Amino acid sequence: MAARDSADAGSIRNAIRWGLFLASVGTAGFRLPRLVNEYRSWREALGFGDTSASEGWHRVLAVELVGVLVVVAIGTAAFYALRPKAKASE
């Protein structure tokens, strides 16, 4: 019975691990089109020579990029933190 409980706990832990990782990748993928649009707006403002608009778009782009990277970093850290424990050699 103890082996069965251990297997169930491991599979739940593995499901949570993969769920968090896929959720972080999905969130980053969902935000990617907006990030590309903001990059294009920034490049367009640079082309017009409008420094205040280009600085604003650059700041928005940087904040969005940092947000995406933080989400992916947290998901990746959780993925590796919840990996199965190494079995002791018997």
C-alpha atoms as a PDB file:
ATOM      1  CA  MET A   1       0.000   0.000   0.000  1.00  0.00           C
ATOM      2  CA  ALA A   2       2.866   2.401   0.765  1.00  0.00           C
ATOM      3  CA  ALA A   3       4.321   1.929  -2.728  1.00  0.00           C
ATOM      4  CA  ARG A   4       0.983   2.826  -4.279  1.00  0.00           C
ATOM      5  CA  ASP A   5       0.706   6.022  -2.209  1.00  0.00           C
ATOM      6  CA  SER A   6       4.238   6.959  -3.232  1.00  0.00           C
ATOM      7  CA  ALA A   7       3.461   6.421  -6.919  1.00  0.00           C
ATOM      8  CA  ASP A   8       0.294   8.500  -6.681  1.00  0.00           C
ATOM      9  CA  ALA A   9       2.123  11.347  -4.934  1.00  0.00           C
ATOM     10  CA  GLY A  10       4.848  11.245  -7.588  1.00  0.00           C
ATOM     11  CA  SER A  11       2.388  11.368 -10.446  1.00  0.00           C
ATOM     12  CA  ILE A  12       0.511  14.291  -8.881  1.00  0.00           C
ATOM     13  CA  ARG A  13       3.789  16.104  -8.338  1.00  0.00           C
ATOM     14  CA  ASN A  14       4.798  15.415 -11.939  1.00  0.00           C
ATOM     15  CA  ALA A  15       1.428  16.660 -13.214  1.00  0.00           C
ATOM     16  CA  ILE A  16       1.776  19.873 -11.211  1.00  0.00           C
ATOM     17  CA  ARG A  17       5.341  20.258 -12.468  1.00  0.00           C
ATOM     18  CA  TRP A  18       4.370  19.949 -16.119  1.00  0.00           C
ATOM     19  CA  GLY A  19       1.216  22.006 -15.642  1.00  0.00           C
ATOM     20  CA  LEU A  20       3.127  24.964 -14.223  1.00  0.00           C
ATOM     21  CA  PHE A  21       5.745  24.757 -16.942  1.00  0.00           C
ATOM     22  CA  LEU A  22       3.180  24.570 -19.746  1.00  0.00           C
ATOM     23  CA  ALA A  23       1.175  27.406 -18.194  1.00  0.00           C
ATOM     24  CA  SER A  24       4.257  29.634 -18.139  1.00  0.00           C
ATOM     25  CA  VAL A  25       5.120  28.801 -21.744  1.00  0.00           C
ATOM     26  CA  GLY A  26       1.490  29.364 -22.761  1.00  0.00           C
ATOM     27  CA  THR A  27       1.411  32.719 -20.998  1.00  0.00           C
ATOM     28  CA  ALA A  28       4.605  33.782 -22.736  1.00  0.00           C
ATOM     29  CA  GLY A  29       3.209  32.628 -26.081  1.00  0.00           C
ATOM     30  CA  PHE A  30      -0.009  34.539 -25.469  1.00  0.00           C
ATOM     31  CA  ARG A  31       1.919  37.747 -24.757  1.00  0.00           C
ATOM     32  CA  LEU A  32       4.328  37.341 -27.667  1.00  0.00           C
ATOM     33  CA  PRO A  33       2.113  38.938 -30.382  1.00  0.00           C
ATOM     34  CA  ARG A  34       1.622  42.038 -28.229  1.00  0.00           C
ATOM     35  CA  LEU A  35       5.371  42.175 -27.662  1.00  0.00           C
ATOM     36  CA  VAL A  36       6.013  42.030 -31.418  1.00  0.00           C
ATOM     37  CA  ASN A  37       3.449  44.789 -32.006  1.00  0.00           C
ATOM     38  CA  GLU A  38       5.109  47.012 -29.419  1.00  0.00           C
ATOM     39  CA  TYR A  39       8.501  46.347 -31.014  1.00  0.00           C
ATOM     40  CA  ARG A  40       7.121  47.441 -34.398  1.00  0.00           C
ATOM     41  CA  SER A  41       5.621  50.575 -32.851  1.00  0.00           C
ATOM     42  CA  TRP A  42       8.941  51.415 -31.244  1.00  0.00           C
ATOM     43  CA  ARG A  43      10.818  50.957 -34.533  1.00  0.00           C
ATOM     44  CA  GLU A  44       8.213  53.077 -36.334  1.00  0.00           C
ATOM     45  CA  ALA A  45       8.589  55.875 -33.772  1.00  0.00           C
ATOM     46  CA  LEU A  46      12.356  55.728 -34.243  1.00  0.00           C
ATOM     47  CA  GLY A  47      11.873  56.086 -37.991  1.00  0.00           C
ATOM     48  CA  PHE A  48       9.741  59.200 -37.540  1.00  0.00           C
ATOM     49  CA  GLY A  49      12.386  60.760 -35.300  1.00  0.00           C
ATOM     50  CA  ASP A  50       9.922  61.252 -32.454  1.00  0.00           C
ATOM     51  CA  THR A  51      12.195  60.767 -29.452  1.00  0.00           C
ATOM     52  CA  SER A  52       9.532  61.008 -26.743  1.00  0.00           C
ATOM     53  CA  ALA A  53       7.306  58.440 -28.454  1.00  0.00           C
ATOM     54  CA  SER A  54      10.229  56.117 -29.139  1.00  0.00           C
ATOM     55  CA  GLU A  55      11.357  56.350 -25.508  1.00  0.00           C
ATOM     56  CA  GLY A  56       7.828  55.560 -24.356  1.00  0.00           C
ATOM     57  CA  TRP A  57       7.513  52.553 -26.663  1.00  0.00           C
ATOM     58  CA  HIS A  58      10.972  51.370 -25.647  1.00  0.00           C
ATOM     59  CA  ARG A  59       9.999  51.505 -21.970  1.00  0.00           C
ATOM     60  CA  VAL A  60       6.745  49.619 -22.632  1.00  0.00           C
ATOM     61  CA  LEU A  61       8.661  47.061 -24.693  1.00  0.00           C
ATOM     62  CA  ALA A  62      11.239  46.575 -21.935  1.00  0.00           C
ATOM     63  CA  VAL A  63       8.565  46.110 -19.254  1.00  0.00           C
ATOM     64  CA  GLU A  64       6.668  43.582 -21.368  1.00  0.00           C
ATOM     65  CA  LEU A  65       9.849  41.684 -22.202  1.00  0.00           C
ATOM     66  CA  VAL A  66      10.909  41.533 -18.560  1.00  0.00           C
ATOM     67  CA  GLY A  67       7.426  40.321 -17.641  1.00  0.00           C
ATOM     68  CA  VAL A  68       7.586  37.509 -20.191  1.00  0.00           C
ATOM     69  CA  LEU A  69      11.060  36.503 -19.044  1.00  0.00           C
ATOM     70  CA  VAL A  70      10.014  36.484 -15.379  1.00  0.00           C
ATOM     71  CA  VAL A  71       7.022  34.251 -16.119  1.00  0.00           C
ATOM     72  CA  VAL A  72       9.174  31.795 -18.077  1.00  0.00           C
ATOM     73  CA  ALA A  73      11.892  31.870 -15.398  1.00  0.00           C
ATOM     74  CA  ILE A  74       9.395  31.118 -12.617  1.00  0.00           C
ATOM     75  CA  GLY A  75       7.860  28.285 -14.641  1.00  0.00           C
ATOM     76  CA  THR A  76      11.263  26.817 -15.426  1.00  0.00           C
ATOM     77  CA  ALA A  77      12.410  27.121 -11.805  1.00  0.00           C
ATOM     78  CA  ALA A  78       9.246  25.371 -10.601  1.00  0.00           C
ATOM     79  CA  PHE A  79       9.760  22.678 -13.238  1.00  0.00           C
ATOM     80  CA  TYR A  80      13.248  21.898 -11.950  1.00  0.00           C
ATOM     81  CA  ALA A  81      12.391  22.372  -8.270  1.00  0.00           C
ATOM     82  CA  LEU A  82       9.565  19.821  -8.449  1.00  0.00           C
ATOM     83  CA  ARG A  83      11.524  17.153 -10.329  1.00  0.00           C
ATOM     84  CA  PRO A  84      11.455  13.659  -8.851  1.00  0.00           C
ATOM     85  CA  LYS A  85      13.881  12.928  -6.075  1.00  0.00           C
ATOM     86  CA  ALA A  86      16.865  10.770  -6.989  1.00  0.00           C
ATOM     87  CA  LYS A  87      16.394   7.228  -5.732  1.00  0.00           C
ATOM     88  CA  ALA A  88      18.963   6.035  -3.232  1.00  0.00           C
ATOM     89  CA  SER A  89      20.952   3.038  -4.424  1.00  0.00           C
ATOM     90  CA  GLU A  90      20.017  -0.024  -2.454  1.00  0.00           C
END
